[in-house]
């Protein structure tokens, strides 16, 4: 009994530590601007206001920034998950030369810091834009391509474990029922690894949605192609930052992430029971 109380208390403390920054972000977004400028440290406010949210929504081009972020995230999630699933199936269910070497290369690709690749990727996107303008600088295609390239390696490793956990006997049983390789992958294997697919999609979405470095590096002058994190820069002033606007913008950026997670969570639960015959 005492051990359970200690465990529950530790879990509650961890939950509070995780939730407190989110609470402070929402609180700062609701506080009057004068209270924030005065450095009011109170953990509550008796005069909540939506002025900070109005300033964010009135930013010129905010709607376009939102659509750009949604478009980039949607393409990256779809492309990276599809490529990672196909690669994980090939590396797990089929035997060929250099299979282990490819897995090691995928792992090594995750060890290179993003900052070390930013400048080379800048010149790569600049040169690629001369051949395919839609994938060059100042185009959303550059963000889609780079984020997909970064999301695929880790997604392959995540899905590799899920695919490897599916018993070989299940594939043999499907073959005895007359199912080909494509039928087994699409109708049996994919529903079974749906939780892993959902986990990869969540990772890819959050990584793309919160990106600032590549958006600032690749989208130089085309303001119509900027994303939401860049929109928050307008609230950073040389003399004094608009912390209410920054926190309100952060709250608005968090809402789509929560909505996406709640959406895929239902698919996660349904995927756990997929492709199981009674």
C-alpha atoms as a PDB file:
ATOM      1  CA  UNK A   1       0.000   0.000   0.000  1.00  0.00           C
ATOM      2  CA  UNK A   2       2.770   2.420   0.944  1.00  0.00           C
ATOM      3  CA  UNK A   3       4.670   1.545  -2.209  1.00  0.00           C
ATOM      4  CA  UNK A   4       1.621   2.309  -4.335  1.00  0.00           C
ATOM      5  CA  UNK A   5       1.176   5.692  -2.621  1.00  0.00           C
ATOM      6  CA  UNK A   6       4.812   6.553  -3.336  1.00  0.00           C
ATOM      7  CA  UNK A   7       4.423   5.526  -6.967  1.00  0.00           C
ATOM      8  CA  UNK A   8       1.258   7.606  -7.375  1.00  0.00           C
ATOM      9  CA  UNK A   9       2.921  10.598  -5.689  1.00  0.00           C
ATOM     10  CA  UNK A  10       5.964  10.339  -7.971  1.00  0.00           C
ATOM     11  CA  UNK A  11       3.710  10.081 -11.025  1.00  0.00           C
ATOM     12  CA  UNK A  12       1.735  13.129  -9.876  1.00  0.00           C
ATOM     13  CA  UNK A  13       4.920  15.170  -9.396  1.00  0.00           C
ATOM     14  CA  UNK A  14       6.166  14.213 -12.857  1.00  0.00           C
ATOM     15  CA  UNK A  15       2.790  15.118 -14.383  1.00  0.00           C
ATOM     16  CA  UNK A  16       2.835  18.499 -12.636  1.00  0.00           C
ATOM     17  CA  UNK A  17       6.399  19.174 -13.815  1.00  0.00           C
ATOM     18  CA  UNK A  18       5.369  18.418 -17.396  1.00  0.00           C
ATOM     19  CA  UNK A  19       2.095  20.355 -17.238  1.00  0.00           C
ATOM     20  CA  UNK A  20       3.431  23.476 -15.501  1.00  0.00           C
ATOM     21  CA  UNK A  21       5.174  24.986 -18.589  1.00  0.00           C
ATOM     22  CA  UNK A  22       1.966  24.483 -20.592  1.00  0.00           C
ATOM     23  CA  UNK A  23      -0.065  26.119 -17.818  1.00  0.00           C
ATOM     24  CA  UNK A  24       2.341  29.068 -17.646  1.00  0.00           C
ATOM     25  CA  UNK A  25       2.204  29.468 -21.424  1.00  0.00           C
ATOM     26  CA  UNK A  26      -1.608  29.652 -21.392  1.00  0.00           C
ATOM     27  CA  UNK A  27      -1.561  31.938 -18.343  1.00  0.00           C
ATOM     28  CA  UNK A  28       0.888  34.346 -19.975  1.00  0.00           C
ATOM     29  CA  UNK A  29      -1.265  34.402 -23.106  1.00  0.00           C
ATOM     30  CA  UNK A  30      -4.307  35.393 -21.029  1.00  0.00           C
ATOM     31  CA  UNK A  31      -2.592  37.980 -18.810  1.00  0.00           C
ATOM     32  CA  UNK A  32      -2.983  41.669 -19.677  1.00  0.00           C
ATOM     33  CA  UNK A  33      -0.035  43.149 -21.511  1.00  0.00           C
ATOM     34  CA  UNK A  34       0.629  45.617 -18.693  1.00  0.00           C
ATOM     35  CA  UNK A  35       0.974  42.795 -16.166  1.00  0.00           C
ATOM     36  CA  UNK A  36       3.503  40.994 -18.344  1.00  0.00           C
ATOM     37  CA  UNK A  37       5.535  44.135 -18.944  1.00  0.00           C
ATOM     38  CA  UNK A  38       5.555  44.788 -15.189  1.00  0.00           C
ATOM     39  CA  UNK A  39       6.923  41.295 -14.578  1.00  0.00           C
ATOM     40  CA  UNK A  40       3.922  40.075 -12.585  1.00  0.00           C
ATOM     41  CA  UNK A  41       4.990  36.659 -11.142  1.00  0.00           C
ATOM     42  CA  UNK A  42       1.506  35.683  -9.887  1.00  0.00           C
ATOM     43  CA  UNK A  43       0.522  32.128 -10.947  1.00  0.00           C
ATOM     44  CA  UNK A  44      -2.996  33.340 -11.766  1.00  0.00           C
ATOM     45  CA  UNK A  45      -4.796  36.350 -13.186  1.00  0.00           C
ATOM     46  CA  UNK A  46      -8.043  37.971 -12.107  1.00  0.00           C
ATOM     47  CA  UNK A  47      -8.414  39.898 -15.375  1.00  0.00           C
ATOM     48  CA  UNK A  48      -7.929  37.432 -18.252  1.00  0.00           C
ATOM     49  CA  UNK A  49      -7.982  38.918 -21.718  1.00  0.00           C
ATOM     50  CA  UNK A  50      -7.813  37.695 -25.309  1.00  0.00           C
ATOM     51  CA  UNK A  51      -5.901  40.721 -26.585  1.00  0.00           C
ATOM     52  CA  UNK A  52      -2.736  38.654 -27.143  1.00  0.00           C
ATOM     53  CA  UNK A  53      -4.658  36.178 -29.312  1.00  0.00           C
ATOM     54  CA  UNK A  54      -6.162  39.050 -31.298  1.00  0.00           C
ATOM     55  CA  UNK A  55      -2.706  40.477 -31.996  1.00  0.00           C
ATOM     56  CA  UNK A  56      -1.526  37.079 -33.229  1.00  0.00           C
ATOM     57  CA  UNK A  57      -4.539  36.485 -35.467  1.00  0.00           C
ATOM     58  CA  UNK A  58      -4.208  39.981 -36.915  1.00  0.00           C
ATOM     59  CA  UNK A  59      -0.631  39.362 -38.065  1.00  0.00           C
ATOM     60  CA  UNK A  60      -0.473  39.941 -41.802  1.00  0.00           C
ATOM     61  CA  UNK A  61      -0.529  36.569 -43.566  1.00  0.00           C
ATOM     62  CA  UNK A  62      -1.210  34.457 -40.449  1.00  0.00           C
ATOM     63  CA  UNK A  63      -3.779  32.329 -42.285  1.00  0.00           C
ATOM     64  CA  UNK A  64      -1.314  31.662 -45.108  1.00  0.00           C
ATOM     65  CA  UNK A  65       1.388  30.714 -42.617  1.00  0.00           C
ATOM     66  CA  UNK A  66      -1.024  28.223 -41.039  1.00  0.00           C
ATOM     67  CA  UNK A  67      -1.911  26.659 -44.406  1.00  0.00           C
ATOM     68  CA  UNK A  68       1.782  26.401 -45.294  1.00  0.00           C
ATOM     69  CA  UNK A  69       2.576  24.588 -42.044  1.00  0.00           C
ATOM     70  CA  UNK A  70      -0.354  22.207 -42.526  1.00  0.00           C
ATOM     71  CA  UNK A  71       0.658  21.469 -46.136  1.00  0.00           C
ATOM     72  CA  UNK A  72       4.293  20.761 -45.251  1.00  0.00           C
ATOM     73  CA  UNK A  73       3.363  18.586 -42.259  1.00  0.00           C
ATOM     74  CA  UNK A  74       0.779  16.605 -44.242  1.00  0.00           C
ATOM     75  CA  UNK A  75       3.198  15.827 -47.083  1.00  0.00           C
ATOM     76  CA  UNK A  76       6.054  14.912 -44.729  1.00  0.00           C
ATOM     77  CA  UNK A  77       3.896  12.626 -42.574  1.00  0.00           C
ATOM     78  CA  UNK A  78       2.448  10.816 -45.592  1.00  0.00           C
ATOM     79  CA  UNK A  79       5.704  10.476 -47.532  1.00  0.00           C
ATOM     80  CA  UNK A  80       7.964   9.556 -44.612  1.00  0.00           C
ATOM     81  CA  UNK A  81       5.531   6.998 -43.172  1.00  0.00           C
ATOM     82  CA  UNK A  82       4.992   5.330 -46.550  1.00  0.00           C
ATOM     83  CA  UNK A  83       8.714   5.182 -47.358  1.00  0.00           C
ATOM     84  CA  UNK A  84       9.621   3.976 -43.869  1.00  0.00           C
ATOM     85  CA  UNK A  85       6.979   1.238 -43.916  1.00  0.00           C
ATOM     86  CA  UNK A  86       8.103  -0.064 -47.310  1.00  0.00           C
ATOM     87  CA  UNK A  87      11.756   0.010 -46.227  1.00  0.00           C
ATOM     88  CA  UNK A  88      11.023  -1.704 -42.906  1.00  0.00           C
ATOM     89  CA  UNK A  89       9.131  -4.494 -44.682  1.00  0.00           C
ATOM     90  CA  UNK A  90      11.949  -4.983 -47.177  1.00  0.00           C
ATOM     91  CA  UNK A  91      14.650  -5.010 -44.480  1.00  0.00           C
ATOM     92  CA  UNK A  92      12.724  -7.371 -42.213  1.00  0.00           C
ATOM     93  CA  UNK A  93      10.749  -9.798 -44.359  1.00  0.00           C
ATOM     94  CA  UNK A  94      13.216 -10.260 -47.208  1.00  0.00           C
ATOM     95  CA  UNK A  95      16.835 -11.415 -47.151  1.00  0.00           C
ATOM     96  CA  UNK A  96      19.395  -9.863 -49.456  1.00  0.00           C
ATOM     97  CA  UNK A  97      23.023  -8.815 -49.416  1.00  0.00           C
ATOM     98  CA  UNK A  98      24.069  -5.769 -47.358  1.00  0.00           C
ATOM     99  CA  UNK A  99      20.783  -5.773 -45.444  1.00  0.00           C
ATOM    100  CA  UNK A 100      22.524  -5.321 -42.094  1.00  0.00           C
ATOM    101  CA  UNK A 101      24.820  -2.700 -43.597  1.00  0.00           C
ATOM    102  CA  UNK A 102      21.822  -0.666 -44.721  1.00  0.00           C
ATOM    103  CA  UNK A 103      20.365  -0.768 -41.220  1.00  0.00           C
ATOM    104  CA  UNK A 104      23.662   0.460 -39.768  1.00  0.00           C
ATOM    105  CA  UNK A 105      23.812   3.278 -42.334  1.00  0.00           C
ATOM    106  CA  UNK A 106      20.283   4.304 -41.376  1.00  0.00           C
ATOM    107  CA  UNK A 107      21.330   4.399 -37.717  1.00  0.00           C
ATOM    108  CA  UNK A 108      24.474   6.427 -38.453  1.00  0.00           C
ATOM    109  CA  UNK A 109      22.383   8.961 -40.356  1.00  0.00           C
ATOM    110  CA  UNK A 110      20.643   9.808 -37.067  1.00  0.00           C
ATOM    111  CA  UNK A 111      23.942  10.589 -35.332  1.00  0.00           C
ATOM    112  CA  UNK A 112      24.828  13.597 -37.490  1.00  0.00           C
ATOM    113  CA  UNK A 113      23.727  16.897 -35.853  1.00  0.00           C
ATOM    114  CA  UNK A 114      21.164  18.857 -37.803  1.00  0.00           C
ATOM    115  CA  UNK A 115      23.175  22.051 -37.379  1.00  0.00           C
ATOM    116  CA  UNK A 116      26.159  20.467 -39.140  1.00  0.00           C
ATOM    117  CA  UNK A 117      24.022  19.737 -42.203  1.00  0.00           C
ATOM    118  CA  UNK A 118      22.195  23.056 -42.455  1.00  0.00           C
ATOM    119  CA  UNK A 119      24.764  24.864 -44.613  1.00  0.00           C
ATOM    120  CA  UNK A 120      25.386  21.919 -46.989  1.00  0.00           C
ATOM    121  CA  UNK A 121      21.634  21.473 -47.353  1.00  0.00           C
ATOM    122  CA  UNK A 122      21.270  25.167 -48.133  1.00  0.00           C
ATOM    123  CA  UNK A 123      23.653  24.885 -51.092  1.00  0.00           C
ATOM    124  CA  UNK A 124      22.047  21.587 -52.128  1.00  0.00           C
ATOM    125  CA  UNK A 125      18.567  23.154 -52.217  1.00  0.00           C
ATOM    126  CA  UNK A 126      19.941  26.170 -54.064  1.00  0.00           C
ATOM    127  CA  UNK A 127      21.478  23.971 -56.768  1.00  0.00           C
ATOM    128  CA  UNK A 128      18.440  21.695 -56.894  1.00  0.00           C
ATOM    129  CA  UNK A 129      16.229  24.717 -57.459  1.00  0.00           C
ATOM    130  CA  UNK A 130      18.026  25.384 -60.728  1.00  0.00           C
ATOM    131  CA  UNK A 131      16.833  22.013 -62.043  1.00  0.00           C
ATOM    132  CA  UNK A 132      13.507  21.729 -60.189  1.00  0.00           C
ATOM    133  CA  UNK A 133      12.377  25.202 -59.024  1.00  0.00           C
ATOM    134  CA  UNK A 134       9.599  23.771 -56.801  1.00  0.00           C
ATOM    135  CA  UNK A 135      12.257  22.049 -54.651  1.00  0.00           C
ATOM    136  CA  UNK A 136      14.589  25.024 -54.416  1.00  0.00           C
ATOM    137  CA  UNK A 137      14.964  27.879 -51.969  1.00  0.00           C
ATOM    138  CA  UNK A 138      11.905  30.001 -51.161  1.00  0.00           C
ATOM    139  CA  UNK A 139       9.600  27.085 -52.004  1.00  0.00           C
ATOM    140  CA  UNK A 140       7.727  24.788 -49.618  1.00  0.00           C
ATOM    141  CA  UNK A 141       9.034  21.815 -51.601  1.00  0.00           C
ATOM    142  CA  UNK A 142      12.482  22.303 -50.065  1.00  0.00           C
ATOM    143  CA  UNK A 143      11.036  21.993 -46.555  1.00  0.00           C
ATOM    144  CA  UNK A 144       8.990  18.930 -47.529  1.00  0.00           C
ATOM    145  CA  UNK A 145      11.993  17.187 -49.060  1.00  0.00           C
ATOM    146  CA  UNK A 146      14.424  17.892 -46.217  1.00  0.00           C
ATOM    147  CA  UNK A 147      12.000  17.007 -43.428  1.00  0.00           C
ATOM    148  CA  UNK A 148      11.055  13.770 -45.174  1.00  0.00           C
ATOM    149  CA  UNK A 149      14.732  12.861 -45.480  1.00  0.00           C
ATOM    150  CA  UNK A 150      15.251  13.452 -41.754  1.00  0.00           C
ATOM    151  CA  UNK A 151      12.081  11.640 -40.663  1.00  0.00           C
ATOM    152  CA  UNK A 152      12.556   8.463 -42.722  1.00  0.00           C
ATOM    153  CA  UNK A 153      15.665   6.965 -41.022  1.00  0.00           C
ATOM    154  CA  UNK A 154      14.268   7.061 -37.490  1.00  0.00           C
ATOM    155  CA  UNK A 155      10.872   5.918 -38.737  1.00  0.00           C
ATOM    156  CA  UNK A 156      12.536   2.906 -40.379  1.00  0.00           C
ATOM    157  CA  UNK A 157      14.133   1.898 -37.073  1.00  0.00           C
ATOM    158  CA  UNK A 158      10.838   2.375 -35.229  1.00  0.00           C
ATOM    159  CA  UNK A 159       8.846   0.324 -37.740  1.00  0.00           C
ATOM    160  CA  UNK A 160      11.578  -2.298 -38.049  1.00  0.00           C
ATOM    161  CA  UNK A 161      10.815  -3.541 -34.556  1.00  0.00           C
ATOM    162  CA  UNK A 162       7.059  -3.645 -35.172  1.00  0.00           C
ATOM    163  CA  UNK A 163       7.409  -5.539 -38.444  1.00  0.00           C
ATOM    164  CA  UNK A 164       9.933  -7.980 -36.984  1.00  0.00           C
ATOM    165  CA  UNK A 165       7.519  -8.756 -34.130  1.00  0.00           C
ATOM    166  CA  UNK A 166       4.919 -10.168 -36.536  1.00  0.00           C
ATOM    167  CA  UNK A 167       5.335 -13.975 -36.492  1.00  0.00           C
ATOM    168  CA  UNK A 168       6.617 -15.627 -39.636  1.00  0.00           C
ATOM    169  CA  UNK A 169       3.927 -18.276 -39.182  1.00  0.00           C
ATOM    170  CA  UNK A 170       1.267 -15.639 -39.854  1.00  0.00           C
ATOM    171  CA  UNK A 171       2.744 -14.950 -43.275  1.00  0.00           C
ATOM    172  CA  UNK A 172       2.937 -18.662 -44.009  1.00  0.00           C
ATOM    173  CA  UNK A 173      -0.709 -19.079 -43.006  1.00  0.00           C
ATOM    174  CA  UNK A 174      -1.691 -16.218 -45.311  1.00  0.00           C
ATOM    175  CA  UNK A 175       0.196 -17.850 -48.177  1.00  0.00           C
ATOM    176  CA  UNK A 176      -1.652 -21.110 -47.564  1.00  0.00           C
ATOM    177  CA  UNK A 177      -4.910 -19.176 -47.858  1.00  0.00           C
ATOM    178  CA  UNK A 178      -3.789 -17.962 -51.278  1.00  0.00           C
ATOM    179  CA  UNK A 179      -2.621 -14.491 -50.307  1.00  0.00           C
ATOM    180  CA  UNK A 180       0.295 -13.054 -52.239  1.00  0.00           C
ATOM    181  CA  UNK A 181       3.031 -10.838 -50.841  1.00  0.00           C
ATOM    182  CA  UNK A 182       1.181  -7.610 -51.619  1.00  0.00           C
ATOM    183  CA  UNK A 183      -2.040  -8.908 -50.078  1.00  0.00           C
ATOM    184  CA  UNK A 184      -0.221 -10.012 -46.921  1.00  0.00           C
ATOM    185  CA  UNK A 185       1.499  -6.651 -46.543  1.00  0.00           C
ATOM    186  CA  UNK A 186      -1.596  -4.514 -47.126  1.00  0.00           C
ATOM    187  CA  UNK A 187      -4.318  -6.621 -45.454  1.00  0.00           C
ATOM    188  CA  UNK A 188      -2.478  -8.464 -42.682  1.00  0.00           C
ATOM    189  CA  UNK A 189       0.872  -6.861 -41.890  1.00  0.00           C
ATOM    190  CA  UNK A 190      -0.124  -3.196 -42.133  1.00  0.00           C
ATOM    191  CA  UNK A 191      -3.062  -3.433 -39.668  1.00  0.00           C
ATOM    192  CA  UNK A 192      -0.841  -5.283 -37.203  1.00  0.00           C
ATOM    193  CA  UNK A 193       1.883  -2.618 -37.278  1.00  0.00           C
ATOM    194  CA  UNK A 194      -0.615   0.260 -37.280  1.00  0.00           C
ATOM    195  CA  UNK A 195       0.487   1.369 -33.774  1.00  0.00           C
ATOM    196  CA  UNK A 196       4.037   1.768 -35.068  1.00  0.00           C
ATOM    197  CA  UNK A 197       2.798   3.670 -38.118  1.00  0.00           C
ATOM    198  CA  UNK A 198       0.862   6.012 -35.845  1.00  0.00           C
ATOM    199  CA  UNK A 199       3.933   6.536 -33.638  1.00  0.00           C
ATOM    200  CA  UNK A 200       6.013   7.420 -36.712  1.00  0.00           C
ATOM    201  CA  UNK A 201       3.366   9.825 -37.970  1.00  0.00           C
ATOM    202  CA  UNK A 202       3.258  11.601 -34.595  1.00  0.00           C
ATOM    203  CA  UNK A 203       7.034  11.964 -34.561  1.00  0.00           C
ATOM    204  CA  UNK A 204       7.141  13.261 -38.135  1.00  0.00           C
ATOM    205  CA  UNK A 205       4.293  15.707 -37.552  1.00  0.00           C
ATOM    206  CA  UNK A 206       5.758  17.243 -34.381  1.00  0.00           C
ATOM    207  CA  UNK A 207       9.240  17.508 -35.884  1.00  0.00           C
ATOM    208  CA  UNK A 208       7.913  19.259 -38.997  1.00  0.00           C
ATOM    209  CA  UNK A 209       5.331  21.439 -37.283  1.00  0.00           C
ATOM    210  CA  UNK A 210       7.795  22.908 -34.778  1.00  0.00           C
ATOM    211  CA  UNK A 211      10.643  23.426 -37.232  1.00  0.00           C
ATOM    212  CA  UNK A 212      12.270  26.831 -37.177  1.00  0.00           C
ATOM    213  CA  UNK A 213      15.833  26.231 -38.382  1.00  0.00           C
ATOM    214  CA  UNK A 214      15.080  24.937 -41.881  1.00  0.00           C
ATOM    215  CA  UNK A 215      12.121  27.288 -42.370  1.00  0.00           C
ATOM    216  CA  UNK A 216      14.334  30.258 -41.572  1.00  0.00           C
ATOM    217  CA  UNK A 217      17.224  28.933 -43.705  1.00  0.00           C
ATOM    218  CA  UNK A 218      15.389  27.872 -46.869  1.00  0.00           C
ATOM    219  CA  UNK A 219      12.540  30.417 -47.016  1.00  0.00           C
ATOM    220  CA  UNK A 220      14.573  33.595 -47.383  1.00  0.00           C
ATOM    221  CA  UNK A 221      12.506  36.233 -49.162  1.00  0.00           C
ATOM    222  CA  UNK A 222       9.235  34.546 -50.156  1.00  0.00           C
ATOM    223  CA  UNK A 223       7.037  35.726 -47.291  1.00  0.00           C
ATOM    224  CA  UNK A 224       3.993  33.933 -48.737  1.00  0.00           C
ATOM    225  CA  UNK A 225       5.776  30.580 -48.184  1.00  0.00           C
ATOM    226  CA  UNK A 226       6.762  31.110 -44.566  1.00  0.00           C
ATOM    227  CA  UNK A 227       5.440  28.858 -41.790  1.00  0.00           C
ATOM    228  CA  UNK A 228       3.975  29.497 -38.338  1.00  0.00           C
ATOM    229  CA  UNK A 229       7.234  29.420 -36.325  1.00  0.00           C
ATOM    230  CA  UNK A 230       8.543  32.241 -38.506  1.00  0.00           C
ATOM    231  CA  UNK A 231       5.377  34.248 -37.813  1.00  0.00           C
ATOM    232  CA  UNK A 232       6.303  34.350 -34.118  1.00  0.00           C
ATOM    233  CA  UNK A 233       9.420  36.354 -35.007  1.00  0.00           C
ATOM    234  CA  UNK A 234       7.243  39.427 -35.499  1.00  0.00           C
ATOM    235  CA  UNK A 235       6.684  39.534 -31.722  1.00  0.00           C
ATOM    236  CA  UNK A 236      10.397  39.657 -30.923  1.00  0.00           C
ATOM    237  CA  UNK A 237      11.330  43.339 -30.837  1.00  0.00           C
ATOM    238  CA  UNK A 238      14.809  44.869 -30.512  1.00  0.00           C
ATOM    239  CA  UNK A 239      13.701  47.000 -27.561  1.00  0.00           C
ATOM    240  CA  UNK A 240      11.111  44.780 -25.843  1.00  0.00           C
ATOM    241  CA  UNK A 241       9.546  41.414 -26.699  1.00  0.00           C
ATOM    242  CA  UNK A 242       5.786  40.986 -26.826  1.00  0.00           C
ATOM    243  CA  UNK A 243       5.608  37.979 -24.507  1.00  0.00           C
ATOM    244  CA  UNK A 244       1.828  37.916 -24.579  1.00  0.00           C
ATOM    245  CA  UNK A 245       1.841  37.563 -28.361  1.00  0.00           C
ATOM    246  CA  UNK A 246       4.627  34.981 -28.229  1.00  0.00           C
ATOM    247  CA  UNK A 247       2.749  32.836 -25.708  1.00  0.00           C
ATOM    248  CA  UNK A 248      -0.574  33.231 -27.520  1.00  0.00           C
ATOM    249  CA  UNK A 249       1.061  32.188 -30.782  1.00  0.00           C
ATOM    250  CA  UNK A 250       2.627  29.204 -29.025  1.00  0.00           C
ATOM    251  CA  UNK A 251      -0.784  28.183 -27.689  1.00  0.00           C
ATOM    252  CA  UNK A 252      -2.309  28.397 -31.166  1.00  0.00           C
ATOM    253  CA  UNK A 253       0.572  26.324 -32.542  1.00  0.00           C
ATOM    254  CA  UNK A 254       0.047  23.669 -29.866  1.00  0.00           C
ATOM    255  CA  UNK A 255      -3.651  23.157 -30.625  1.00  0.00           C
ATOM    256  CA  UNK A 256      -3.143  21.431 -34.036  1.00  0.00           C
ATOM    257  CA  UNK A 257      -0.598  19.075 -32.446  1.00  0.00           C
ATOM    258  CA  UNK A 258      -3.112  18.070 -29.767  1.00  0.00           C
ATOM    259  CA  UNK A 259      -5.869  17.655 -32.361  1.00  0.00           C
ATOM    260  CA  UNK A 260      -3.618  15.503 -34.539  1.00  0.00           C
ATOM    261  CA  UNK A 261      -2.633  13.332 -31.569  1.00  0.00           C
ATOM    262  CA  UNK A 262      -6.271  12.833 -30.513  1.00  0.00           C
ATOM    263  CA  UNK A 263      -7.150  11.945 -34.104  1.00  0.00           C
ATOM    264  CA  UNK A 264      -4.452   9.302 -34.528  1.00  0.00           C
ATOM    265  CA  UNK A 265      -4.981   7.995 -30.992  1.00  0.00           C
ATOM    266  CA  UNK A 266      -8.285   6.467 -32.071  1.00  0.00           C
ATOM    267  CA  UNK A 267      -6.516   4.832 -35.006  1.00  0.00           C
ATOM    268  CA  UNK A 268      -3.858   3.585 -32.598  1.00  0.00           C
ATOM    269  CA  UNK A 269      -6.457   1.809 -30.460  1.00  0.00           C
ATOM    270  CA  UNK A 270      -8.230   0.321 -33.476  1.00  0.00           C
ATOM    271  CA  UNK A 271      -4.923  -0.792 -35.018  1.00  0.00           C
ATOM    272  CA  UNK A 272      -4.065  -2.891 -31.990  1.00  0.00           C
ATOM    273  CA  UNK A 273      -6.874  -5.269 -32.867  1.00  0.00           C
ATOM    274  CA  UNK A 274      -6.488  -5.124 -36.624  1.00  0.00           C
ATOM    275  CA  UNK A 275      -5.952  -8.171 -38.840  1.00  0.00           C
ATOM    276  CA  UNK A 276      -6.779 -10.598 -36.015  1.00  0.00           C
ATOM    277  CA  UNK A 277      -9.198 -13.368 -36.890  1.00  0.00           C
ATOM    278  CA  UNK A 278     -11.442 -14.860 -34.265  1.00  0.00           C
END
